[in-house]
Amino acid sequence: MKPVPERIVTGLENARQRATRSGLAIGRPRVILDRDRVSELRASGLSWREIARRLGAGVGTVRRAFKAGASVTKACQNPVVGEL
């Protein structure tokens, strides 16, 4: 059996300390999105893609925020959109 290279052992130790397998953060970071801003940009005639690019979010996230924005208060419990 071959000995494990030192760099692999070091990487595994770092991953164990950070409680991950790869050493990277677990899960996707939450997007914080201003629903009022989405509504303003949409009212000004911008496309969903352009709004998403300006706000640094996905098109689906922007459309969901716009759709939910009319009936939900600013303090949203939706984990995709996040709290404002």
PDB file of N, CA and C in Angstrom:
ATOM      1  N   MET A   1       0.839  -1.180   0.000  1.00  0.00           N
ATOM      2  CA  MET A   1       0.000   0.000   0.000  1.00  0.00           C
ATOM      3  C   MET A   1       0.883   1.242   0.000  1.00  0.00           C
ATOM      4  N   LYS A   2       0.506   2.225  -0.861  1.00  0.00           N
ATOM      5  CA  LYS A   2       1.290   3.456  -0.981  1.00  0.00           C
ATOM      6  C   LYS A   2       1.030   4.384   0.204  1.00  0.00           C
ATOM      7  N   PRO A   3       2.051   5.117   0.641  1.00  0.00           N
ATOM      8  CA  PRO A   3       1.817   6.113   1.692  1.00  0.00           C
ATOM      9  C   PRO A   3       1.032   7.300   1.112  1.00  0.00           C
ATOM     10  N   VAL A   4       0.210   7.908   1.940  1.00  0.00           N
ATOM     11  CA  VAL A   4      -0.598   9.059   1.522  1.00  0.00           C
ATOM     12  C   VAL A   4       0.290  10.296   1.534  1.00  0.00           C
ATOM     13  N   PRO A   5       0.287  11.074   0.431  1.00  0.00           N
ATOM     14  CA  PRO A   5       1.113  12.283   0.396  1.00  0.00           C
ATOM     15  C   PRO A   5       0.725  13.269   1.497  1.00  0.00           C
ATOM     16  N   GLU A   6       1.719  14.007   1.962  1.00  0.00           N
ATOM     17  CA  GLU A   6       1.527  14.941   3.066  1.00  0.00           C
ATOM     18  C   GLU A   6       0.488  16.019   2.743  1.00  0.00           C
ATOM     19  N   ARG A   7       0.456  16.488   1.493  1.00  0.00           N
ATOM     20  CA  ARG A   7      -0.494  17.537   1.119  1.00  0.00           C
ATOM     21  C   ARG A   7      -1.938  17.059   1.238  1.00  0.00           C
ATOM     22  N   ILE A   8      -2.173  15.767   0.986  1.00  0.00           N
ATOM     23  CA  ILE A   8      -3.521  15.213   1.114  1.00  0.00           C
ATOM     24  C   ILE A   8      -3.914  15.119   2.581  1.00  0.00           C
ATOM     25  N   VAL A   9      -2.992  14.673   3.413  1.00  0.00           N
ATOM     26  CA  VAL A   9      -3.257  14.571   4.844  1.00  0.00           C
ATOM     27  C   VAL A   9      -3.564  15.955   5.417  1.00  0.00           C
ATOM     28  N   THR A  10      -2.781  16.954   5.017  1.00  0.00           N
ATOM     29  CA  THR A  10      -2.996  18.319   5.483  1.00  0.00           C
ATOM     30  C   THR A  10      -4.363  18.832   5.045  1.00  0.00           C
ATOM     31  N   GLY A  11      -4.729  18.583   3.802  1.00  0.00           N
ATOM     32  CA  GLY A  11      -6.029  19.011   3.297  1.00  0.00           C
ATOM     33  C   GLY A  11      -7.175  18.355   4.029  1.00  0.00           C
ATOM     34  N   LEU A  12      -7.058  17.071   4.323  1.00  0.00           N
ATOM     35  CA  LEU A  12      -8.106  16.364   5.065  1.00  0.00           C
ATOM     36  C   LEU A  12      -8.231  16.885   6.488  1.00  0.00           C
ATOM     37  N   GLU A  13      -7.116  17.204   7.111  1.00  0.00           N
ATOM     38  CA  GLU A  13      -7.159  17.769   8.465  1.00  0.00           C
ATOM     39  C   GLU A  13      -7.862  19.131   8.467  1.00  0.00           C
ATOM     40  N   ASN A  14      -7.555  19.963   7.474  1.00  0.00           N
ATOM     41  CA  ASN A  14      -8.224  21.271   7.372  1.00  0.00           C
ATOM     42  C   ASN A  14      -9.724  21.093   7.155  1.00  0.00           C
ATOM     43  N   ALA A  15     -10.094  20.141   6.333  1.00  0.00           N
ATOM     44  CA  ALA A  15     -11.510  19.900   6.074  1.00  0.00           C
ATOM     45  C   ALA A  15     -12.223  19.431   7.338  1.00  0.00           C
ATOM     46  N   ARG A  16     -11.584  18.590   8.121  1.00  0.00           N
ATOM     47  CA  ARG A  16     -12.193  18.110   9.368  1.00  0.00           C
ATOM     48  C   ARG A  16     -12.390  19.252  10.363  1.00  0.00           C
ATOM     49  N   GLN A  17     -11.422  20.157  10.425  1.00  0.00           N
ATOM     50  CA  GLN A  17     -11.527  21.301  11.334  1.00  0.00           C
ATOM     51  C   GLN A  17     -12.673  22.215  10.944  1.00  0.00           C
ATOM     52  N   ARG A  18     -12.922  22.330   9.652  1.00  0.00           N
ATOM     53  CA  ARG A  18     -14.000  23.204   9.162  1.00  0.00           C
ATOM     54  C   ARG A  18     -15.317  22.449   8.989  1.00  0.00           C
ATOM     55  N   ALA A  19     -15.344  21.195   9.369  1.00  0.00           N
ATOM     56  CA  ALA A  19     -16.541  20.348   9.321  1.00  0.00           C
ATOM     57  C   ALA A  19     -17.096  20.189   7.907  1.00  0.00           C
ATOM     58  N   THR A  20     -16.206  20.099   6.928  1.00  0.00           N
ATOM     59  CA  THR A  20     -16.637  19.823   5.565  1.00  0.00           C
ATOM     60  C   THR A  20     -15.792  18.708   4.994  1.00  0.00           C
ATOM     61  N   ARG A  21     -16.249  18.150   3.910  1.00  0.00           N
ATOM     62  CA  ARG A  21     -15.454  17.113   3.255  1.00  0.00           C
ATOM     63  C   ARG A  21     -14.428  17.722   2.319  1.00  0.00           C
ATOM     64  N   SER A  22     -14.820  18.801   1.646  1.00  0.00           N
ATOM     65  CA  SER A  22     -13.925  19.398   0.667  1.00  0.00           C
ATOM     66  C   SER A  22     -13.155  20.591   1.221  1.00  0.00           C
ATOM     67  N   GLY A  23     -13.537  21.064   2.387  1.00  0.00           N
ATOM     68  CA  GLY A  23     -12.916  22.261   2.936  1.00  0.00           C
ATOM     69  C   GLY A  23     -13.669  23.521   2.545  1.00  0.00           C
ATOM     70  N   LEU A  24     -14.638  23.387   1.625  1.00  0.00           N
ATOM     71  CA  LEU A  24     -15.446  24.531   1.210  1.00  0.00           C
ATOM     72  C   LEU A  24     -16.648  24.676   2.122  1.00  0.00           C
ATOM     73  N   ALA A  25     -17.261  25.837   2.112  1.00  0.00           N
ATOM     74  CA  ALA A  25     -18.449  26.077   2.917  1.00  0.00           C
ATOM     75  C   ALA A  25     -19.584  25.158   2.462  1.00  0.00           C
ATOM     76  N   ILE A  26     -20.431  24.755   3.398  1.00  0.00           N
ATOM     77  CA  ILE A  26     -21.544  23.886   3.075  1.00  0.00           C
ATOM     78  C   ILE A  26     -22.725  24.750   2.648  1.00  0.00           C
ATOM     79  N   GLY A  27     -23.328  24.415   1.543  1.00  0.00           N
ATOM     80  CA  GLY A  27     -24.525  25.106   1.081  1.00  0.00           C
ATOM     81  C   GLY A  27     -24.220  26.352   0.272  1.00  0.00           C
ATOM     82  N   ARG A  28     -25.267  26.909  -0.255  1.00  0.00           N
ATOM     83  CA  ARG A  28     -25.178  28.101  -1.084  1.00  0.00           C
ATOM     84  C   ARG A  28     -25.475  29.325  -0.226  1.00  0.00           C
ATOM     85  N   PRO A  29     -24.717  30.406  -0.401  1.00  0.00           N
ATOM     86  CA  PRO A  29     -25.012  31.607   0.385  1.00  0.00           C
ATOM     87  C   PRO A  29     -26.380  32.181   0.030  1.00  0.00           C
ATOM     88  N   ARG A  30     -27.054  32.740   0.990  1.00  0.00           N
ATOM     89  CA  ARG A  30     -28.363  33.328   0.767  1.00  0.00           C
ATOM     90  C   ARG A  30     -28.229  34.634  -0.003  1.00  0.00           C
ATOM     91  N   VAL A  31     -29.191  34.890  -0.864  1.00  0.00           N
ATOM     92  CA  VAL A  31     -29.222  36.134  -1.624  1.00  0.00           C
ATOM     93  C   VAL A  31     -30.101  37.124  -0.878  1.00  0.00           C
ATOM     94  N   ILE A  32     -29.591  38.315  -0.657  1.00  0.00           N
ATOM     95  CA  ILE A  32     -30.384  39.368  -0.043  1.00  0.00           C
ATOM     96  C   ILE A  32     -30.827  40.279  -1.174  1.00  0.00           C
ATOM     97  N   LEU A  33     -32.134  40.388  -1.327  1.00  0.00           N
ATOM     98  CA  LEU A  33     -32.683  41.081  -2.473  1.00  0.00           C
ATOM     99  C   LEU A  33     -33.733  42.086  -2.021  1.00  0.00           C
ATOM    100  N   ASP A  34     -33.667  43.290  -2.550  1.00  0.00           N
ATOM    101  CA  ASP A  34     -34.622  44.342  -2.229  1.00  0.00           C
ATOM    102  C   ASP A  34     -35.802  44.245  -3.193  1.00  0.00           C
ATOM    103  N   ARG A  35     -36.935  43.782  -2.693  1.00  0.00           N
ATOM    104  CA  ARG A  35     -38.116  43.597  -3.546  1.00  0.00           C
ATOM    105  C   ARG A  35     -38.623  44.907  -4.116  1.00  0.00           C
ATOM    106  N   ASP A  36     -38.519  45.974  -3.334  1.00  0.00           N
ATOM    107  CA  ASP A  36     -38.968  47.272  -3.835  1.00  0.00           C
ATOM    108  C   ASP A  36     -38.136  47.702  -5.038  1.00  0.00           C
ATOM    109  N   ARG A  37     -36.848  47.432  -4.973  1.00  0.00           N
ATOM    110  CA  ARG A  37     -35.953  47.772  -6.092  1.00  0.00           C
ATOM    111  C   ARG A  37     -36.312  46.971  -7.337  1.00  0.00           C
ATOM    112  N   VAL A  38     -36.651  45.693  -7.152  1.00  0.00           N
ATOM    113  CA  VAL A  38     -37.068  44.853  -8.282  1.00  0.00           C
ATOM    114  C   VAL A  38     -38.297  45.469  -8.934  1.00  0.00           C
ATOM    115  N   SER A  39     -39.268  45.872  -8.135  1.00  0.00           N
ATOM    116  CA  SER A  39     -40.494  46.469  -8.661  1.00  0.00           C
ATOM    117  C   SER A  39     -40.190  47.773  -9.409  1.00  0.00           C
ATOM    118  N   GLU A  40     -39.306  48.591  -8.843  1.00  0.00           N
ATOM    119  CA  GLU A  40     -38.940  49.853  -9.494  1.00  0.00           C
ATOM    120  C   GLU A  40     -38.293  49.603 -10.852  1.00  0.00           C
ATOM    121  N   LEU A  41     -37.348  48.676 -10.886  1.00  0.00           N
ATOM    122  CA  LEU A  41     -36.643  48.400 -12.139  1.00  0.00           C
ATOM    123  C   LEU A  41     -37.578  47.803 -13.194  1.00  0.00           C
ATOM    124  N   ARG A  42     -38.492  46.944 -12.743  1.00  0.00           N
ATOM    125  CA  ARG A  42     -39.437  46.339 -13.676  1.00  0.00           C
ATOM    126  C   ARG A  42     -40.395  47.396 -14.225  1.00  0.00           C
ATOM    127  N   ALA A  43     -40.830  48.318 -13.366  1.00  0.00           N
ATOM    128  CA  ALA A  43     -41.733  49.385 -13.785  1.00  0.00           C
ATOM    129  C   ALA A  43     -41.051  50.329 -14.779  1.00  0.00           C
ATOM    130  N   SER A  44     -39.730  50.440 -14.673  1.00  0.00           N
ATOM    131  CA  SER A  44     -39.003  51.316 -15.601  1.00  0.00           C
ATOM    132  C   SER A  44     -38.774  50.646 -16.955  1.00  0.00           C
ATOM    133  N   GLY A  45     -39.222  49.399 -17.097  1.00  0.00           N
ATOM    134  CA  GLY A  45     -39.165  48.739 -18.405  1.00  0.00           C
ATOM    135  C   GLY A  45     -37.987  47.818 -18.629  1.00  0.00           C
ATOM    136  N   LEU A  46     -37.207  47.526 -17.592  1.00  0.00           N
ATOM    137  CA  LEU A  46     -36.064  46.632 -17.771  1.00  0.00           C
ATOM    138  C   LEU A  46     -36.516  45.170 -17.874  1.00  0.00           C
ATOM    139  N   SER A  47     -35.715  44.379 -18.558  1.00  0.00           N
ATOM    140  CA  SER A  47     -36.014  42.950 -18.681  1.00  0.00           C
ATOM    141  C   SER A  47     -35.634  42.235 -17.384  1.00  0.00           C
ATOM    142  N   TRP A  48     -36.168  41.031 -17.225  1.00  0.00           N
ATOM    143  CA  TRP A  48     -35.834  40.229 -16.032  1.00  0.00           C
ATOM    144  C   TRP A  48     -34.332  39.975 -15.980  1.00  0.00           C
ATOM    145  N   ARG A  49     -33.748  39.695 -17.116  1.00  0.00           N
ATOM    146  CA  ARG A  49     -32.314  39.401 -17.161  1.00  0.00           C
ATOM    147  C   ARG A  49     -31.482  40.611 -16.736  1.00  0.00           C
ATOM    148  N   GLU A  50     -31.861  41.788 -17.213  1.00  0.00           N
ATOM    149  CA  GLU A  50     -31.126  43.003 -16.854  1.00  0.00           C
ATOM    150  C   GLU A  50     -31.283  43.319 -15.365  1.00  0.00           C
ATOM    151  N   ILE A  51     -32.481  43.134 -14.836  1.00  0.00           N
ATOM    152  CA  ILE A  51     -32.706  43.363 -13.400  1.00  0.00           C
ATOM    153  C   ILE A  51     -31.845  42.404 -12.582  1.00  0.00           C
ATOM    154  N   ALA A  52     -31.840  41.138 -12.981  1.00  0.00           N
ATOM    155  CA  ALA A  52     -31.043  40.130 -12.268  1.00  0.00           C
ATOM    156  C   ALA A  52     -29.559  40.484 -12.317  1.00  0.00           C
ATOM    157  N   ARG A  53     -29.086  40.943 -13.472  1.00  0.00           N
ATOM    158  CA  ARG A  53     -27.672  41.297 -13.599  1.00  0.00           C
ATOM    159  C   ARG A  53     -27.331  42.488 -12.691  1.00  0.00           C
ATOM    160  N   ARG A  54     -28.183  43.488 -12.645  1.00  0.00           N
ATOM    161  CA  ARG A  54     -27.920  44.666 -11.814  1.00  0.00           C
ATOM    162  C   ARG A  54     -27.940  44.356 -10.322  1.00  0.00           C
ATOM    163  N   LEU A  55     -28.798  43.419  -9.918  1.00  0.00           N
ATOM    164  CA  LEU A  55     -28.921  43.108  -8.495  1.00  0.00           C
ATOM    165  C   LEU A  55     -28.040  41.939  -8.058  1.00  0.00           C
ATOM    166  N   GLY A  56     -27.382  41.277  -8.999  1.00  0.00           N
ATOM    167  CA  GLY A  56     -26.490  40.167  -8.665  1.00  0.00           C
ATOM    168  C   GLY A  56     -27.224  38.932  -8.209  1.00  0.00           C
ATOM    169  N   ALA A  57     -28.377  38.671  -8.805  1.00  0.00           N
ATOM    170  CA  ALA A  57     -29.171  37.489  -8.448  1.00  0.00           C
ATOM    171  C   ALA A  57     -29.572  36.772  -9.730  1.00  0.00           C
ATOM    172  N   GLY A  58     -30.177  35.616  -9.571  1.00  0.00           N
ATOM    173  CA  GLY A  58     -30.655  34.867 -10.716  1.00  0.00           C
ATOM    174  C   GLY A  58     -31.997  35.402 -11.204  1.00  0.00           C
ATOM    175  N   VAL A  59     -32.307  35.098 -12.466  1.00  0.00           N
ATOM    176  CA  VAL A  59     -33.563  35.552 -13.049  1.00  0.00           C
ATOM    177  C   VAL A  59     -34.751  34.965 -12.288  1.00  0.00           C
ATOM    178  N   GLY A  60     -34.674  33.690 -11.948  1.00  0.00           N
ATOM    179  CA  GLY A  60     -35.760  33.056 -11.201  1.00  0.00           C
ATOM    180  C   GLY A  60     -35.969  33.684  -9.836  1.00  0.00           C
ATOM    181  N   THR A  61     -34.888  34.028  -9.178  1.00  0.00           N
ATOM    182  CA  THR A  61     -34.971  34.669  -7.865  1.00  0.00           C
ATOM    183  C   THR A  61     -35.639  36.037  -7.980  1.00  0.00           C
ATOM    184  N   VAL A  62     -35.268  36.777  -9.012  1.00  0.00           N
ATOM    185  CA  VAL A  62     -35.842  38.106  -9.225  1.00  0.00           C
ATOM    186  C   VAL A  62     -37.336  38.001  -9.524  1.00  0.00           C
ATOM    187  N   ARG A  63     -37.710  37.065 -10.376  1.00  0.00           N
ATOM    188  CA  ARG A  63     -39.130  36.910 -10.727  1.00  0.00           C
ATOM    189  C   ARG A  63     -39.950  36.464  -9.517  1.00  0.00           C
ATOM    190  N   ARG A  64     -39.388  35.562  -8.708  1.00  0.00           N
ATOM    191  CA  ARG A  64     -40.070  35.113  -7.494  1.00  0.00           C
ATOM    192  C   ARG A  64     -40.256  36.267  -6.520  1.00  0.00           C
ATOM    193  N   ALA A  65     -39.226  37.096  -6.373  1.00  0.00           N
ATOM    194  CA  ALA A  65     -39.303  38.244  -5.472  1.00  0.00           C
ATOM    195  C   ALA A  65     -40.351  39.226  -5.966  1.00  0.00           C
ATOM    196  N   PHE A  66     -40.423  39.437  -7.258  1.00  0.00           N
ATOM    197  CA  PHE A  66     -41.414  40.357  -7.824  1.00  0.00           C
ATOM    198  C   PHE A  66     -42.823  39.833  -7.605  1.00  0.00           C
ATOM    199  N   LYS A  67     -43.017  38.567  -7.862  1.00  0.00           N
ATOM    200  CA  LYS A  67     -44.339  37.955  -7.704  1.00  0.00           C
ATOM    201  C   LYS A  67     -44.785  37.987  -6.245  1.00  0.00           C
ATOM    202  N   ALA A  68     -43.888  37.701  -5.320  1.00  0.00           N
ATOM    203  CA  ALA A  68     -44.224  37.665  -3.899  1.00  0.00           C
ATOM    204  C   ALA A  68     -44.242  39.062  -3.281  1.00  0.00           C
ATOM    205  N   GLY A  69     -43.625  40.027  -3.916  1.00  0.00           N
ATOM    206  CA  GLY A  69     -43.505  41.371  -3.360  1.00  0.00           C
ATOM    207  C   GLY A  69     -44.823  42.077  -3.152  1.00  0.00           C
ATOM    208  N   ALA A  70     -45.813  41.780  -3.964  1.00  0.00           N
ATOM    209  CA  ALA A  70     -47.091  42.476  -3.862  1.00  0.00           C
ATOM    210  C   ALA A  70     -47.879  42.038  -2.636  1.00  0.00           C
ATOM    211  N   SER A  71     -47.693  40.793  -2.198  1.00  0.00           N
ATOM    212  CA  SER A  71     -48.532  40.273  -1.123  1.00  0.00           C
ATOM    213  C   SER A  71     -47.792  40.015   0.182  1.00  0.00           C
ATOM    214  N   VAL A  72     -46.485  40.202   0.222  1.00  0.00           N
ATOM    215  CA  VAL A  72     -45.690  39.879   1.405  1.00  0.00           C
ATOM    216  C   VAL A  72     -44.990  41.148   1.892  1.00  0.00           C
ATOM    217  N   THR A  73     -44.893  41.290   3.192  1.00  0.00           N
ATOM    218  CA  THR A  73     -44.212  42.449   3.761  1.00  0.00           C
ATOM    219  C   THR A  73     -42.710  42.351   3.531  1.00  0.00           C
ATOM    220  N   LYS A  74     -41.983  43.411   3.864  1.00  0.00           N
ATOM    221  CA  LYS A  74     -40.538  43.435   3.641  1.00  0.00           C
ATOM    222  C   LYS A  74     -39.800  42.355   4.430  1.00  0.00           C
ATOM    223  N   ALA A  75     -40.215  42.080   5.654  1.00  0.00           N
ATOM    224  CA  ALA A  75     -39.554  41.061   6.472  1.00  0.00           C
ATOM    225  C   ALA A  75     -40.043  39.701   5.995  1.00  0.00           C
ATOM    226  N   CYS A  76     -39.364  39.162   5.028  1.00  0.00           N
ATOM    227  CA  CYS A  76     -39.802  37.939   4.351  1.00  0.00           C
ATOM    228  C   CYS A  76     -39.203  36.712   5.030  1.00  0.00           C
ATOM    229  N   GLN A  77     -39.957  35.643   5.078  1.00  0.00           N
ATOM    230  CA  GLN A  77     -39.470  34.400   5.636  1.00  0.00           C
ATOM    231  C   GLN A  77     -38.973  33.458   4.548  1.00  0.00           C
ATOM    232  N   ASN A  78     -39.048  33.872   3.286  1.00  0.00           N
ATOM    233  CA  ASN A  78     -38.614  33.044   2.173  1.00  0.00           C
ATOM    234  C   ASN A  78     -37.093  32.941   2.178  1.00  0.00           C
ATOM    235  N   PRO A  79     -36.516  31.737   2.351  1.00  0.00           N
ATOM    236  CA  PRO A  79     -35.072  31.607   2.466  1.00  0.00           C
ATOM    237  C   PRO A  79     -34.328  31.941   1.171  1.00  0.00           C
ATOM    238  N   VAL A  80     -35.008  31.905   0.053  1.00  0.00           N
ATOM    239  CA  VAL A  80     -34.339  32.209  -1.207  1.00  0.00           C
ATOM    240  C   VAL A  80     -34.096  33.700  -1.337  1.00  0.00           C
ATOM    241  N   VAL A  81     -35.046  34.498  -0.874  1.00  0.00           N
ATOM    242  CA  VAL A  81     -34.955  35.933  -1.018  1.00  0.00           C
ATOM    243  C   VAL A  81     -34.222  36.561   0.159  1.00  0.00           C
ATOM    244  N   GLY A  82     -34.432  36.037   1.370  1.00  0.00           N
ATOM    245  CA  GLY A  82     -33.749  36.544   2.549  1.00  0.00           C
ATOM    246  C   GLY A  82     -34.456  37.741   3.141  1.00  0.00           C
ATOM    247  N   GLU A  83     -33.969  38.169   4.270  1.00  0.00           N
ATOM    248  CA  GLU A  83     -34.563  39.324   4.939  1.00  0.00           C
ATOM    249  C   GLU A  83     -33.900  40.587   4.456  1.00  0.00           C
ATOM    250  N   LEU A  84     -34.658  41.647   4.429  1.00  0.00           N
ATOM    251  CA  LEU A  84     -34.117  42.936   3.976  1.00  0.00           C
ATOM    252  C   LEU A  84     -33.588  43.741   5.109  1.00  0.00           C
TER     253      LEU A  84
END
